[in-house]
């Protein structure tokens, strides 16, 4: 049986974005639990590279309208600011 399923740009980029998010989670966990400083530095470098790749994929999706990011309402921004300011003083 032949499978003629084709994936479009959105599906491919969505899969790539999810893969990068998972990679950053794994590198972060490994770096957090690493006892050897030199190995931790390598893991942190890899983590940074994965974050850069994730940002590139996100930007590609955002530029194509595949990952819209609506502007935050000013009232929500102010509420969040007040919440964090209150937590910082406690």
C-alpha atoms as a PDB file:
ATOM      1  CA  UNK A   1       0.000   0.000   0.000  1.00  0.00           C
ATOM      2  CA  UNK A   2       1.390   3.375  -0.992  1.00  0.00           C
ATOM      3  CA  UNK A   3       0.996   6.356   1.311  1.00  0.00           C
ATOM      4  CA  UNK A   4       0.667   9.613  -0.632  1.00  0.00           C
ATOM      5  CA  UNK A   5       0.390  11.839   2.425  1.00  0.00           C
ATOM      6  CA  UNK A   6       2.191  15.118   1.945  1.00  0.00           C
ATOM      7  CA  UNK A   7       3.155  17.480   4.675  1.00  0.00           C
ATOM      8  CA  UNK A   8       2.998  21.188   4.093  1.00  0.00           C
ATOM      9  CA  UNK A   9       5.289  23.871   5.423  1.00  0.00           C
ATOM     10  CA  UNK A  10       3.109  24.429   8.469  1.00  0.00           C
ATOM     11  CA  UNK A  11       3.182  20.771   9.527  1.00  0.00           C
ATOM     12  CA  UNK A  12       6.929  20.514   8.973  1.00  0.00           C
ATOM     13  CA  UNK A  13       7.692  23.717  10.871  1.00  0.00           C
ATOM     14  CA  UNK A  14       5.303  22.794  13.679  1.00  0.00           C
ATOM     15  CA  UNK A  15       7.061  19.456  14.048  1.00  0.00           C
ATOM     16  CA  UNK A  16      10.458  21.192  14.023  1.00  0.00           C
ATOM     17  CA  UNK A  17       9.296  23.676  16.668  1.00  0.00           C
ATOM     18  CA  UNK A  18       8.036  20.887  18.929  1.00  0.00           C
ATOM     19  CA  UNK A  19      11.300  18.976  18.456  1.00  0.00           C
ATOM     20  CA  UNK A  20      13.348  22.047  19.426  1.00  0.00           C
ATOM     21  CA  UNK A  21      11.192  22.651  22.498  1.00  0.00           C
ATOM     22  CA  UNK A  22      11.723  19.059  23.608  1.00  0.00           C
ATOM     23  CA  UNK A  23      15.471  19.259  22.941  1.00  0.00           C
ATOM     24  CA  UNK A  24      15.762  22.392  25.086  1.00  0.00           C
ATOM     25  CA  UNK A  25      13.883  20.668  27.906  1.00  0.00           C
ATOM     26  CA  UNK A  26      16.258  17.702  27.797  1.00  0.00           C
ATOM     27  CA  UNK A  27      19.448  19.771  27.601  1.00  0.00           C
ATOM     28  CA  UNK A  28      18.177  21.964  30.426  1.00  0.00           C
ATOM     29  CA  UNK A  29      17.530  18.959  32.657  1.00  0.00           C
ATOM     30  CA  UNK A  30      20.942  17.473  31.856  1.00  0.00           C
ATOM     31  CA  UNK A  31      22.718  20.770  32.537  1.00  0.00           C
ATOM     32  CA  UNK A  32      20.845  21.203  35.821  1.00  0.00           C
ATOM     33  CA  UNK A  33      21.853  17.757  37.027  1.00  0.00           C
ATOM     34  CA  UNK A  34      25.434  17.737  35.762  1.00  0.00           C
ATOM     35  CA  UNK A  35      28.140  17.501  38.399  1.00  0.00           C
ATOM     36  CA  UNK A  36      31.109  17.986  36.061  1.00  0.00           C
ATOM     37  CA  UNK A  37      31.770  21.682  35.244  1.00  0.00           C
ATOM     38  CA  UNK A  38      33.285  21.125  31.801  1.00  0.00           C
ATOM     39  CA  UNK A  39      30.459  18.837  30.711  1.00  0.00           C
ATOM     40  CA  UNK A  40      27.938  21.324  32.083  1.00  0.00           C
ATOM     41  CA  UNK A  41      29.551  24.068  29.969  1.00  0.00           C
ATOM     42  CA  UNK A  42      29.190  21.894  26.864  1.00  0.00           C
ATOM     43  CA  UNK A  43      25.555  21.182  27.708  1.00  0.00           C
ATOM     44  CA  UNK A  44      24.889  24.890  28.282  1.00  0.00           C
ATOM     45  CA  UNK A  45      26.423  25.679  24.896  1.00  0.00           C
ATOM     46  CA  UNK A  46      24.242  23.049  23.237  1.00  0.00           C
ATOM     47  CA  UNK A  47      21.214  24.377  25.100  1.00  0.00           C
ATOM     48  CA  UNK A  48      21.926  27.870  23.788  1.00  0.00           C
ATOM     49  CA  UNK A  49      22.267  26.544  20.234  1.00  0.00           C
ATOM     50  CA  UNK A  50      18.935  24.737  20.545  1.00  0.00           C
ATOM     51  CA  UNK A  51      17.287  27.926  21.801  1.00  0.00           C
ATOM     52  CA  UNK A  52      18.686  29.771  18.791  1.00  0.00           C
ATOM     53  CA  UNK A  53      17.316  27.105  16.441  1.00  0.00           C
ATOM     54  CA  UNK A  54      13.933  27.195  18.177  1.00  0.00           C
ATOM     55  CA  UNK A  55      13.846  30.979  17.766  1.00  0.00           C
ATOM     56  CA  UNK A  56      14.641  30.675  14.046  1.00  0.00           C
ATOM     57  CA  UNK A  57      11.822  28.184  13.516  1.00  0.00           C
ATOM     58  CA  UNK A  58       9.437  30.314  15.561  1.00  0.00           C
ATOM     59  CA  UNK A  59      10.358  33.421  13.539  1.00  0.00           C
ATOM     60  CA  UNK A  60       9.856  31.544  10.263  1.00  0.00           C
ATOM     61  CA  UNK A  61       6.411  30.439  11.396  1.00  0.00           C
ATOM     62  CA  UNK A  62       5.523  33.868  12.730  1.00  0.00           C
ATOM     63  CA  UNK A  63       6.626  35.593   9.508  1.00  0.00           C
ATOM     64  CA  UNK A  64       4.369  33.260   7.500  1.00  0.00           C
ATOM     65  CA  UNK A  65       1.373  33.812   9.765  1.00  0.00           C
ATOM     66  CA  UNK A  66       1.547  30.247  11.111  1.00  0.00           C
ATOM     67  CA  UNK A  67       2.198  31.297  14.713  1.00  0.00           C
ATOM     68  CA  UNK A  68       0.346  34.527  15.433  1.00  0.00           C
ATOM     69  CA  UNK A  69       1.236  36.417  18.567  1.00  0.00           C
ATOM     70  CA  UNK A  70      -1.460  38.932  19.404  1.00  0.00           C
ATOM     71  CA  UNK A  71      -0.459  42.061  21.253  1.00  0.00           C
ATOM     72  CA  UNK A  72      -1.096  42.013  24.985  1.00  0.00           C
ATOM     73  CA  UNK A  73      -3.799  44.272  26.313  1.00  0.00           C
ATOM     74  CA  UNK A  74      -2.455  47.155  28.378  1.00  0.00           C
ATOM     75  CA  UNK A  75      -4.660  46.195  31.352  1.00  0.00           C
ATOM     76  CA  UNK A  76      -3.206  42.669  31.392  1.00  0.00           C
ATOM     77  CA  UNK A  77       0.326  44.057  31.209  1.00  0.00           C
ATOM     78  CA  UNK A  78      -0.368  46.329  34.177  1.00  0.00           C
ATOM     79  CA  UNK A  79      -1.998  43.494  36.175  1.00  0.00           C
ATOM     80  CA  UNK A  80       1.032  41.272  35.581  1.00  0.00           C
ATOM     81  CA  UNK A  81       3.414  44.073  36.515  1.00  0.00           C
ATOM     82  CA  UNK A  82       1.528  44.643  39.783  1.00  0.00           C
ATOM     83  CA  UNK A  83       1.446  40.924  40.566  1.00  0.00           C
ATOM     84  CA  UNK A  84       5.209  40.537  40.138  1.00  0.00           C
ATOM     85  CA  UNK A  85       5.944  43.759  42.000  1.00  0.00           C
ATOM     86  CA  UNK A  86       3.900  42.489  44.932  1.00  0.00           C
ATOM     87  CA  UNK A  87       5.698  39.137  44.877  1.00  0.00           C
ATOM     88  CA  UNK A  88       9.091  40.844  44.793  1.00  0.00           C
ATOM     89  CA  UNK A  89       8.360  42.745  47.990  1.00  0.00           C
ATOM     90  CA  UNK A  90       7.300  39.599  49.881  1.00  0.00           C
END
